[in-house]
PDB file of N, CA and C in Angstrom:
ATOM      1  N   MET A   1      25.001   3.344   6.655  1.00  0.00           N
ATOM      2  CA  MET A   1      23.754   3.192   5.598  1.00  0.00           C
ATOM      3  C   MET A   1      23.183   1.877   5.614  1.00  0.00           C
ATOM      4  N   ALA A   2      21.840   1.683   5.762  1.00  0.00           N
ATOM      5  CA  ALA A   2      21.059   0.768   5.983  1.00  0.00           C
ATOM      6  C   ALA A   2      20.189   0.205   4.344  1.00  0.00           C
ATOM      7  N   ALA A   3      20.286  -0.954   4.175  1.00  0.00           N
ATOM      8  CA  ALA A   3      19.676  -1.530   2.861  1.00  0.00           C
ATOM      9  C   ALA A   3      18.547  -2.390   3.377  1.00  0.00           C
ATOM     10  N   ILE A   4      17.367  -2.467   2.755  1.00  0.00           N
ATOM     11  CA  ILE A   4      16.495  -3.851   3.117  1.00  0.00           C
ATOM     12  C   ILE A   4      16.288  -4.384   1.902  1.00  0.00           C
ATOM     13  N   SER A   5      16.219  -5.908   2.048  1.00  0.00           N
ATOM     14  CA  SER A   5      16.164  -6.731   0.931  1.00  0.00           C
ATOM     15  C   SER A   5      14.801  -7.162   0.841  1.00  0.00           C
ATOM     16  N   LEU A   6      14.162  -7.184  -0.777  1.00  0.00           N
ATOM     17  CA  LEU A   6      12.664  -7.276  -0.611  1.00  0.00           C
ATOM     18  C   LEU A   6      12.855  -8.214  -1.838  1.00  0.00           C
ATOM     19  N   GLY A   7      12.476  -9.520  -1.497  1.00  0.00           N
ATOM     20  CA  GLY A   7      12.579 -10.522  -2.596  1.00  0.00           C
ATOM     21  C   GLY A   7      13.874 -10.508  -3.465  1.00  0.00           C
ATOM     22  N   ASN A   8      13.684  -9.984  -4.549  1.00  0.00           N
ATOM     23  CA  ASN A   8      14.748  -9.956  -5.522  1.00  0.00           C
ATOM     24  C   ASN A   8      15.636  -8.515  -5.863  1.00  0.00           C
ATOM     25  N   SER A   9      15.024  -7.716  -4.957  1.00  0.00           N
ATOM     26  CA  SER A   9      15.749  -6.461  -5.160  1.00  0.00           C
ATOM     27  C   SER A   9      16.083  -5.770  -3.906  1.00  0.00           C
ATOM     28  N   THR A  10      16.817  -4.590  -3.713  1.00  0.00           N
ATOM     29  CA  THR A  10      17.514  -4.251  -2.697  1.00  0.00           C
ATOM     30  C   THR A  10      16.725  -2.781  -2.624  1.00  0.00           C
ATOM     31  N   LEU A  11      16.271  -2.329  -1.430  1.00  0.00           N
ATOM     32  CA  LEU A  11      15.736  -1.055  -0.886  1.00  0.00           C
ATOM     33  C   LEU A  11      16.860  -0.225  -0.196  1.00  0.00           C
ATOM     34  N   LYS A  12      16.977   0.971  -1.165  1.00  0.00           N
ATOM     35  CA  LYS A  12      18.272   1.628  -0.465  1.00  0.00           C
ATOM     36  C   LYS A  12      17.996   3.540  -0.244  1.00  0.00           C
ATOM     37  N   PRO A  13      17.327   4.095   0.629  1.00  0.00           N
ATOM     38  CA  PRO A  13      16.932   5.253   0.645  1.00  0.00           C
ATOM     39  C   PRO A  13      18.296   6.102  -0.032  1.00  0.00           C
ATOM     40  N   LEU A  14      17.930   7.332  -0.474  1.00  0.00           N
ATOM     41  CA  LEU A  14      19.036   8.247  -1.234  1.00  0.00           C
ATOM     42  C   LEU A  14      18.867   9.417   0.005  1.00  0.00           C
ATOM     43  N   GLY A  15      19.908  10.107  -0.125  1.00  0.00           N
ATOM     44  CA  GLY A  15      19.760  11.382   0.511  1.00  0.00           C
ATOM     45  C   GLY A  15      19.705  11.251   1.968  1.00  0.00           C
ATOM     46  N   ASP A  16      18.325  12.385   2.726  1.00  0.00           N
ATOM     47  CA  ASP A  16      18.191  12.451   3.671  1.00  0.00           C
ATOM     48  C   ASP A  16      16.880  11.458   3.988  1.00  0.00           C
ATOM     49  N   ARG A  17      16.418  10.741   3.132  1.00  0.00           N
ATOM     50  CA  ARG A  17      15.283   9.961   3.354  1.00  0.00           C
ATOM     51  C   ARG A  17      15.328   8.760   4.199  1.00  0.00           C
ATOM     52  N   VAL A  18      13.933   8.218   4.585  1.00  0.00           N
ATOM     53  CA  VAL A  18      14.376   7.068   5.808  1.00  0.00           C
ATOM     54  C   VAL A  18      12.970   6.463   4.882  1.00  0.00           C
ATOM     55  N   PHE A  19      13.027   4.953   5.463  1.00  0.00           N
ATOM     56  CA  PHE A  19      12.042   3.919   4.872  1.00  0.00           C
ATOM     57  C   PHE A  19      11.476   3.677   6.192  1.00  0.00           C
ATOM     58  N   LEU A  20      10.432   3.560   6.396  1.00  0.00           N
ATOM     59  CA  LEU A  20       9.798   2.907   7.655  1.00  0.00           C
ATOM     60  C   LEU A  20       8.595   2.229   7.435  1.00  0.00           C
ATOM     61  N   LYS A  21       8.475   1.174   8.329  1.00  0.00           N
ATOM     62  CA  LYS A  21       7.191   0.359   8.298  1.00  0.00           C
ATOM     63  C   LYS A  21       6.203   0.950   9.387  1.00  0.00           C
ATOM     64  N   VAL A  22       5.101   1.019   8.597  1.00  0.00           N
ATOM     65  CA  VAL A  22       3.835   1.873   9.553  1.00  0.00           C
ATOM     66  C   VAL A  22       3.193   0.745  10.527  1.00  0.00           C
ATOM     67  N   SER A  23       2.975   1.701  11.619  1.00  0.00           N
ATOM     68  CA  SER A  23       2.382   0.795  12.646  1.00  0.00           C
ATOM     69  C   SER A  23       0.790   0.619  12.345  1.00  0.00           C
ATOM     70  N   LYS A  24       0.570  -0.623  12.736  1.00  0.00           N
ATOM     71  CA  LYS A  24      -1.016  -0.987  12.476  1.00  0.00           C
ATOM     72  C   LYS A  24      -2.150   0.099  13.394  1.00  0.00           C
ATOM     73  N   SER A  25      -3.175   0.627  12.888  1.00  0.00           N
ATOM     74  CA  SER A  25      -3.785   1.459  13.336  1.00  0.00           C
ATOM     75  C   SER A  25      -4.994   0.357  14.083  1.00  0.00           C
ATOM     76  N   ALA A  26      -5.676   1.160  15.068  1.00  0.00           N
ATOM     77  CA  ALA A  26      -6.325   0.560  16.138  1.00  0.00           C
ATOM     78  C   ALA A  26      -7.548  -0.114  15.494  1.00  0.00           C
ATOM     79  N   GLU A  27      -7.912  -1.475  15.908  1.00  0.00           N
ATOM     80  CA  GLU A  27      -9.125  -2.239  15.179  1.00  0.00           C
ATOM     81  C   GLU A  27     -10.319  -1.803  16.039  1.00  0.00           C
ATOM     82  N   GLN A  28     -10.719  -1.365  16.840  1.00  0.00           N
ATOM     83  CA  GLN A  28     -11.570  -1.111  17.988  1.00  0.00           C
ATOM     84  C   GLN A  28     -11.107   0.004  19.001  1.00  0.00           C
ATOM     85  N   THR A  29     -12.253   0.830  19.216  1.00  0.00           N
ATOM     86  CA  THR A  29     -12.232   1.859  20.431  1.00  0.00           C
ATOM     87  C   THR A  29     -11.834   1.584  21.540  1.00  0.00           C
ATOM     88  N   ALA A  30     -11.582   2.283  22.339  1.00  0.00           N
ATOM     89  CA  ALA A  30     -11.255   1.950  23.880  1.00  0.00           C
ATOM     90  C   ALA A  30     -12.788   1.381  24.469  1.00  0.00           C
ATOM     91  N   GLY A  31     -13.772   1.851  24.084  1.00  0.00           N
ATOM     92  CA  GLY A  31     -14.978   1.321  24.401  1.00  0.00           C
ATOM     93  C   GLY A  31     -15.529   0.088  23.846  1.00  0.00           C
ATOM     94  N   GLY A  32     -14.720  -0.497  22.990  1.00  0.00           N
ATOM     95  CA  GLY A  32     -14.892  -1.809  22.439  1.00  0.00           C
ATOM     96  C   GLY A  32     -15.723  -1.819  21.106  1.00  0.00           C
ATOM     97  N   ILE A  33     -16.116  -0.539  20.533  1.00  0.00           N
ATOM     98  CA  ILE A  33     -16.403  -0.722  18.990  1.00  0.00           C
ATOM     99  C   ILE A  33     -15.566  -0.852  18.061  1.00  0.00           C
ATOM    100  N   ILE A  34     -15.766  -2.040  17.470  1.00  0.00           N
ATOM    101  CA  ILE A  34     -15.046  -2.328  16.135  1.00  0.00           C
ATOM    102  C   ILE A  34     -15.168  -1.328  14.847  1.00  0.00           C
ATOM    103  N   LEU A  35     -14.028  -0.971  14.686  1.00  0.00           N
ATOM    104  CA  LEU A  35     -13.753   0.207  13.720  1.00  0.00           C
ATOM    105  C   LEU A  35     -13.937  -0.369  12.013  1.00  0.00           C
ATOM    106  N   PRO A  36     -14.721  -0.031  11.333  1.00  0.00           N
ATOM    107  CA  PRO A  36     -14.343  -0.538   9.795  1.00  0.00           C
ATOM    108  C   PRO A  36     -13.331   0.567   9.168  1.00  0.00           C
ATOM    109  N   ASP A  37     -12.864  -0.306   8.028  1.00  0.00           N
ATOM    110  CA  ASP A  37     -11.586   0.346   7.568  1.00  0.00           C
ATOM    111  C   ASP A  37     -11.839   1.678   7.223  1.00  0.00           C
ATOM    112  N   ALA A  38     -12.976   2.168   6.683  1.00  0.00           N
ATOM    113  CA  ALA A  38     -13.085   3.893   6.169  1.00  0.00           C
ATOM    114  C   ALA A  38     -13.194   4.543   7.343  1.00  0.00           C
ATOM    115  N   ALA A  39     -13.515   4.012   8.676  1.00  0.00           N
ATOM    116  CA  ALA A  39     -13.111   5.244   9.938  1.00  0.00           C
ATOM    117  C   ALA A  39     -12.010   5.298  10.584  1.00  0.00           C
ATOM    118  N   LYS A  40     -11.074   4.287  10.094  1.00  0.00           N
ATOM    119  CA  LYS A  40      -9.842   4.237  10.870  1.00  0.00           C
ATOM    120  C   LYS A  40      -8.968   5.314  10.533  1.00  0.00           C
ATOM    121  N   GLU A  41      -8.283   5.959  11.493  1.00  0.00           N
ATOM    122  CA  GLU A  41      -7.081   6.738  11.299  1.00  0.00           C
ATOM    123  C   GLU A  41      -5.934   6.355  10.715  1.00  0.00           C
ATOM    124  N   LYS A  42      -5.555   7.436   9.653  1.00  0.00           N
ATOM    125  CA  LYS A  42      -4.078   6.785   9.083  1.00  0.00           C
ATOM    126  C   LYS A  42      -3.073   6.936  10.342  1.00  0.00           C
ATOM    127  N   PRO A  43      -2.454   5.726  10.475  1.00  0.00           N
ATOM    128  CA  PRO A  43      -1.511   5.939  11.635  1.00  0.00           C
ATOM    129  C   PRO A  43      -0.309   7.171  11.453  1.00  0.00           C
ATOM    130  N   GLN A  44       0.467   7.761  12.642  1.00  0.00           N
ATOM    131  CA  GLN A  44       1.415   8.282  12.194  1.00  0.00           C
ATOM    132  C   GLN A  44       2.784   8.002  12.963  1.00  0.00           C
ATOM    133  N   VAL A  45       2.773   6.862  13.437  1.00  0.00           N
ATOM    134  CA  VAL A  45       4.201   6.384  14.228  1.00  0.00           C
ATOM    135  C   VAL A  45       4.084   4.812  13.250  1.00  0.00           C
ATOM    136  N   GLY A  46       5.662   5.076  13.351  1.00  0.00           N
ATOM    137  CA  GLY A  46       6.170   3.907  12.288  1.00  0.00           C
ATOM    138  C   GLY A  46       7.696   3.513  12.787  1.00  0.00           C
ATOM    139  N   GLU A  47       8.435   2.392  12.385  1.00  0.00           N
ATOM    140  CA  GLU A  47       9.837   1.923  12.847  1.00  0.00           C
ATOM    141  C   GLU A  47      10.571   2.065  11.442  1.00  0.00           C
ATOM    142  N   ILE A  48      11.943   2.536  11.484  1.00  0.00           N
ATOM    143  CA  ILE A  48      12.676   2.900  10.579  1.00  0.00           C
ATOM    144  C   ILE A  48      13.303   1.674  10.367  1.00  0.00           C
ATOM    145  N   THR A  49      13.205   1.234   9.077  1.00  0.00           N
ATOM    146  CA  THR A  49      13.828  -0.174   8.229  1.00  0.00           C
ATOM    147  C   THR A  49      14.872   0.368   7.635  1.00  0.00           C
ATOM    148  N   ALA A  50      14.895   1.470   7.436  1.00  0.00           N
ATOM    149  CA  ALA A  50      16.367   1.649   6.336  1.00  0.00           C
ATOM    150  C   ALA A  50      16.606   3.704   6.278  1.00  0.00           C
ATOM    151  N   VAL A  51      17.602   3.883   6.667  1.00  0.00           N
ATOM    152  CA  VAL A  51      18.240   5.088   6.252  1.00  0.00           C
ATOM    153  C   VAL A  51      18.977   5.542   5.326  1.00  0.00           C
ATOM    154  N   GLY A  52      18.879   6.615   4.542  1.00  0.00           N
ATOM    155  CA  GLY A  52      19.808   7.223   3.338  1.00  0.00           C
ATOM    156  C   GLY A  52      21.024   7.594   4.531  1.00  0.00           C
ATOM    157  N   PRO A  53      21.922   7.703   3.039  1.00  0.00           N
ATOM    158  CA  PRO A  53      23.491   8.262   3.783  1.00  0.00           C
ATOM    159  C   PRO A  53      23.382   9.843   4.605  1.00  0.00           C
ATOM    160  N   GLY A  54      22.391  10.757   4.053  1.00  0.00           N
ATOM    161  CA  GLY A  54      22.481  12.340   4.962  1.00  0.00           C
ATOM    162  C   GLY A  54      22.332  13.029   3.462  1.00  0.00           C
ATOM    163  N   LYS A  55      21.885  14.002   3.317  1.00  0.00           N
ATOM    164  CA  LYS A  55      22.317  15.035   2.388  1.00  0.00           C
ATOM    165  C   LYS A  55      23.749  15.901   2.495  1.00  0.00           C
ATOM    166  N   TYR A  56      23.844  16.645   1.667  1.00  0.00           N
ATOM    167  CA  TYR A  56      24.918  17.526   1.534  1.00  0.00           C
ATOM    168  C   TYR A  56      24.901  18.828   2.121  1.00  0.00           C
ATOM    169  N   ASP A  57      25.938  19.680   2.908  1.00  0.00           N
ATOM    170  CA  ASP A  57      25.535  20.890   3.212  1.00  0.00           C
ATOM    171  C   ASP A  57      26.050  21.651   2.265  1.00  0.00           C
ATOM    172  N   ASP A  58      26.046  23.162   2.462  1.00  0.00           N
ATOM    173  CA  ASP A  58      26.831  23.646   1.492  1.00  0.00           C
ATOM    174  C   ASP A  58      28.201  23.800   1.038  1.00  0.00           C
ATOM    175  N   SER A  59      28.817  23.164   2.248  1.00  0.00           N
ATOM    176  CA  SER A  59      30.448  22.825   2.031  1.00  0.00           C
ATOM    177  C   SER A  59      30.953  21.513   1.413  1.00  0.00           C
ATOM    178  N   GLY A  60      29.819  20.902   0.877  1.00  0.00           N
ATOM    179  CA  GLY A  60      29.891  19.635   0.245  1.00  0.00           C
ATOM    180  C   GLY A  60      30.070  18.490   1.104  1.00  0.00           C
ATOM    181  N   LYS A  61      30.225  18.518   2.395  1.00  0.00           N
ATOM    182  CA  LYS A  61      30.271  17.373   3.448  1.00  0.00           C
ATOM    183  C   LYS A  61      29.020  16.784   3.813  1.00  0.00           C
ATOM    184  N   ARG A  62      28.586  15.751   3.753  1.00  0.00           N
ATOM    185  CA  ARG A  62      27.212  14.906   4.416  1.00  0.00           C
ATOM    186  C   ARG A  62      26.857  15.392   6.090  1.00  0.00           C
ATOM    187  N   GLN A  63      25.728  15.844   6.187  1.00  0.00           N
ATOM    188  CA  GLN A  63      25.268  15.899   7.381  1.00  0.00           C
ATOM    189  C   GLN A  63      24.845  14.681   7.868  1.00  0.00           C
ATOM    190  N   ALA A  64      25.340  14.340   9.134  1.00  0.00           N
ATOM    191  CA  ALA A  64      24.626  12.970   9.650  1.00  0.00           C
ATOM    192  C   ALA A  64      23.279  12.734  10.054  1.00  0.00           C
ATOM    193  N   MET A  65      22.771  11.693   9.766  1.00  0.00           N
ATOM    194  CA  MET A  65      21.268  11.929  10.047  1.00  0.00           C
ATOM    195  C   MET A  65      20.903  11.545  11.605  1.00  0.00           C
ATOM    196  N   ASP A  66      19.817  12.288  12.221  1.00  0.00           N
ATOM    197  CA  ASP A  66      19.476  12.325  13.633  1.00  0.00           C
ATOM    198  C   ASP A  66      18.762  11.086  13.906  1.00  0.00           C
ATOM    199  N   VAL A  67      18.283  10.204  12.933  1.00  0.00           N
ATOM    200  CA  VAL A  67      17.525   9.167  13.506  1.00  0.00           C
ATOM    201  C   VAL A  67      18.396   7.741  12.825  1.00  0.00           C
ATOM    202  N   SER A  68      18.164   6.530  13.303  1.00  0.00           N
ATOM    203  CA  SER A  68      18.739   5.260  12.956  1.00  0.00           C
ATOM    204  C   SER A  68      17.925   4.094  12.432  1.00  0.00           C
ATOM    205  N   VAL A  69      18.068   3.235  12.044  1.00  0.00           N
ATOM    206  CA  VAL A  69      17.419   1.720  11.996  1.00  0.00           C
ATOM    207  C   VAL A  69      16.853   1.295  13.332  1.00  0.00           C
ATOM    208  N   GLY A  70      15.626   1.194  13.397  1.00  0.00           N
ATOM    209  CA  GLY A  70      15.093   0.490  14.755  1.00  0.00           C
ATOM    210  C   GLY A  70      14.571   1.615  15.675  1.00  0.00           C
ATOM    211  N   ASP A  71      14.443   2.792  15.171  1.00  0.00           N
ATOM    212  CA  ASP A  71      13.992   3.854  16.011  1.00  0.00           C
ATOM    213  C   ASP A  71      12.606   3.979  15.569  1.00  0.00           C
ATOM    214  N   LYS A  72      11.460   3.962  16.521  1.00  0.00           N
ATOM    215  CA  LYS A  72      10.503   4.606  16.183  1.00  0.00           C
ATOM    216  C   LYS A  72      10.052   6.067  16.321  1.00  0.00           C
ATOM    217  N   VAL A  73       9.275   6.501  15.118  1.00  0.00           N
ATOM    218  CA  VAL A  73       9.162   7.712  15.035  1.00  0.00           C
ATOM    219  C   VAL A  73       7.614   8.189  14.877  1.00  0.00           C
ATOM    220  N   LEU A  74       7.689   9.743  15.132  1.00  0.00           N
ATOM    221  CA  LEU A  74       6.128  10.260  14.945  1.00  0.00           C
ATOM    222  C   LEU A  74       6.304  11.059  13.617  1.00  0.00           C
ATOM    223  N   TYR A  75       5.829  10.704  12.551  1.00  0.00           N
ATOM    224  CA  TYR A  75       5.709  11.817  11.435  1.00  0.00           C
ATOM    225  C   TYR A  75       4.661  12.523  10.768  1.00  0.00           C
ATOM    226  N   SER A  76       4.856  13.174  10.207  1.00  0.00           N
ATOM    227  CA  SER A  76       3.793  14.502   9.753  1.00  0.00           C
ATOM    228  C   SER A  76       2.899  13.639   8.794  1.00  0.00           C
ATOM    229  N   LYS A  77       1.253  13.942   9.142  1.00  0.00           N
ATOM    230  CA  LYS A  77       0.273  13.367   8.573  1.00  0.00           C
ATOM    231  C   LYS A  77       0.228  12.644   7.107  1.00  0.00           C
ATOM    232  N   TYR A  78       0.609  13.652   6.186  1.00  0.00           N
ATOM    233  CA  TYR A  78       0.360  13.794   4.829  1.00  0.00           C
ATOM    234  C   TYR A  78       1.748  13.681   4.331  1.00  0.00           C
ATOM    235  N   ALA A  79       2.803  13.279   5.017  1.00  0.00           N
ATOM    236  CA  ALA A  79       4.096  13.278   4.281  1.00  0.00           C
ATOM    237  C   ALA A  79       4.654  11.959   3.563  1.00  0.00           C
ATOM    238  N   GLY A  80       5.669  11.933   2.568  1.00  0.00           N
ATOM    239  CA  GLY A  80       5.908  10.840   2.076  1.00  0.00           C
ATOM    240  C   GLY A  80       5.050   9.959   1.207  1.00  0.00           C
ATOM    241  N   THR A  81       5.754   8.744   0.753  1.00  0.00           N
ATOM    242  CA  THR A  81       5.180   8.227  -0.312  1.00  0.00           C
ATOM    243  C   THR A  81       4.647   6.691   0.212  1.00  0.00           C
ATOM    244  N   GLU A  82       3.239   6.406   0.170  1.00  0.00           N
ATOM    245  CA  GLU A  82       3.086   5.054   0.674  1.00  0.00           C
ATOM    246  C   GLU A  82       3.510   4.163  -0.077  1.00  0.00           C
ATOM    247  N   ILE A  83       4.055   2.895   0.511  1.00  0.00           N
ATOM    248  CA  ILE A  83       4.414   2.034  -0.666  1.00  0.00           C
ATOM    249  C   ILE A  83       3.708   0.301   0.388  1.00  0.00           C
ATOM    250  N   LYS A  84       3.015  -0.497  -0.484  1.00  0.00           N
ATOM    251  CA  LYS A  84       2.570  -1.616   0.072  1.00  0.00           C
ATOM    252  C   LYS A  84       3.446  -2.765  -0.483  1.00  0.00           C
ATOM    253  N   LEU A  85       3.982  -3.524   0.496  1.00  0.00           N
ATOM    254  CA  LEU A  85       4.816  -4.836   0.195  1.00  0.00           C
ATOM    255  C   LEU A  85       3.950  -5.708   0.669  1.00  0.00           C
ATOM    256  N   GLY A  86       3.545  -6.756   0.168  1.00  0.00           N
ATOM    257  CA  GLY A  86       2.735  -7.956   0.824  1.00  0.00           C
ATOM    258  C   GLY A  86       1.438  -7.445   1.274  1.00  0.00           C
ATOM    259  N   ASP A  87       1.557  -7.785   2.718  1.00  0.00           N
ATOM    260  CA  ASP A  87       0.617  -7.336   3.555  1.00  0.00           C
ATOM    261  C   ASP A  87       1.021  -6.225   4.803  1.00  0.00           C
ATOM    262  N   GLU A  88       2.451  -5.747   4.156  1.00  0.00           N
ATOM    263  CA  GLU A  88       2.528  -4.623   5.236  1.00  0.00           C
ATOM    264  C   GLU A  88       2.809  -3.119   4.310  1.00  0.00           C
ATOM    265  N   ASP A  89       2.461  -2.329   5.134  1.00  0.00           N
ATOM    266  CA  ASP A  89       2.345  -0.978   4.738  1.00  0.00           C
ATOM    267  C   ASP A  89       3.929  -0.193   5.175  1.00  0.00           C
ATOM    268  N   TYR A  90       4.528   0.326   4.239  1.00  0.00           N
ATOM    269  CA  TYR A  90       5.730   1.138   4.374  1.00  0.00           C
ATOM    270  C   TYR A  90       5.633   2.542   3.851  1.00  0.00           C
ATOM    271  N   ILE A  91       6.435   3.506   4.300  1.00  0.00           N
ATOM    272  CA  ILE A  91       6.214   4.954   3.572  1.00  0.00           C
ATOM    273  C   ILE A  91       7.933   5.526   3.663  1.00  0.00           C
ATOM    274  N   LEU A  92       8.201   6.064   2.378  1.00  0.00           N
ATOM    275  CA  LEU A  92       9.165   6.543   2.139  1.00  0.00           C
ATOM    276  C   LEU A  92       9.132   7.974   2.260  1.00  0.00           C
ATOM    277  N   LEU A  93      10.146   8.407   3.358  1.00  0.00           N
ATOM    278  CA  LEU A  93       9.819  10.138   3.427  1.00  0.00           C
ATOM    279  C   LEU A  93      11.279  10.729   3.745  1.00  0.00           C
ATOM    280  N   SER A  94      11.079  12.121   3.737  1.00  0.00           N
ATOM    281  CA  SER A  94      12.168  12.880   3.983  1.00  0.00           C
ATOM    282  C   SER A  94      12.691  12.933   5.489  1.00  0.00           C
ATOM    283  N   GLU A  95      13.905  13.060   6.287  1.00  0.00           N
ATOM    284  CA  GLU A  95      14.077  13.161   7.531  1.00  0.00           C
ATOM    285  C   GLU A  95      13.370  14.390   8.259  1.00  0.00           C
ATOM    286  N   LYS A  96      13.093  15.355   7.362  1.00  0.00           N
ATOM    287  CA  LYS A  96      12.453  16.650   7.860  1.00  0.00           C
ATOM    288  C   LYS A  96      11.083  16.425   8.229  1.00  0.00           C
ATOM    289  N   ASP A  97      10.409  15.595   7.548  1.00  0.00           N
ATOM    290  CA  ASP A  97       8.904  15.317   7.830  1.00  0.00           C
ATOM    291  C   ASP A  97       8.730  14.432   9.320  1.00  0.00           C
ATOM    292  N   ILE A  98      10.179  13.970   9.924  1.00  0.00           N
ATOM    293  CA  ILE A  98       9.908  13.266  11.282  1.00  0.00           C
ATOM    294  C   ILE A  98       9.750  14.269  12.321  1.00  0.00           C
ATOM    295  N   LEU A  99       8.948  14.231  13.082  1.00  0.00           N
ATOM    296  CA  LEU A  99       8.614  15.270  14.375  1.00  0.00           C
ATOM    297  C   LEU A  99       9.221  14.904  15.182  1.00  0.00           C
ATOM    298  N   ALA A 100       9.372  13.710  15.533  1.00  0.00           N
ATOM    299  CA  ALA A 100       9.693  13.093  17.004  1.00  0.00           C
ATOM    300  C   ALA A 100      10.132  11.562  16.933  1.00  0.00           C
ATOM    301  N   THR A 101      10.713  11.350  17.957  1.00  0.00           N
ATOM    302  CA  THR A 101      11.323   9.970  18.214  1.00  0.00           C
ATOM    303  C   THR A 101      10.660   9.284  19.614  1.00  0.00           C
ATOM    304  N   VAL A 102       9.812   8.321  19.312  1.00  0.00           N
ATOM    305  CA  VAL A 102       8.867   7.599  20.548  1.00  0.00           C
ATOM    306  C   VAL A 102       9.571   6.883  21.326  1.00  0.00           C
ATOM    307  N   ALA A 103       9.593   6.917  22.465  1.00  0.00           N
ATOM    308  CA  ALA A 103      10.753   5.884  23.581  1.00  0.00           C
ATOM    309  C   ALA A 103       9.734   4.648  23.659  1.00  0.00           C
TER     310      ALA A 103
END
């Protein structure tokens, strides 16, 4: 289990949830056109900063998480709860909303 210290509080996801830092979206297109905030597409890639202990299976044992802290992942577009801490964007989502790891 990993926990993140945020000022005076500590964030520790529960169950099969993960807390990840959202990657920044592109500021301009490949052709050099600068995009305004309204035209930027919501990023779907992030780096995991904290992982919950995993959920319980039918027999009462914890299932191990498939991802770990530091993994870069691709997640569903409208999944999770968005959290803004300072200038950074984070998202808290369930492990089932993670589609793939990015190498």
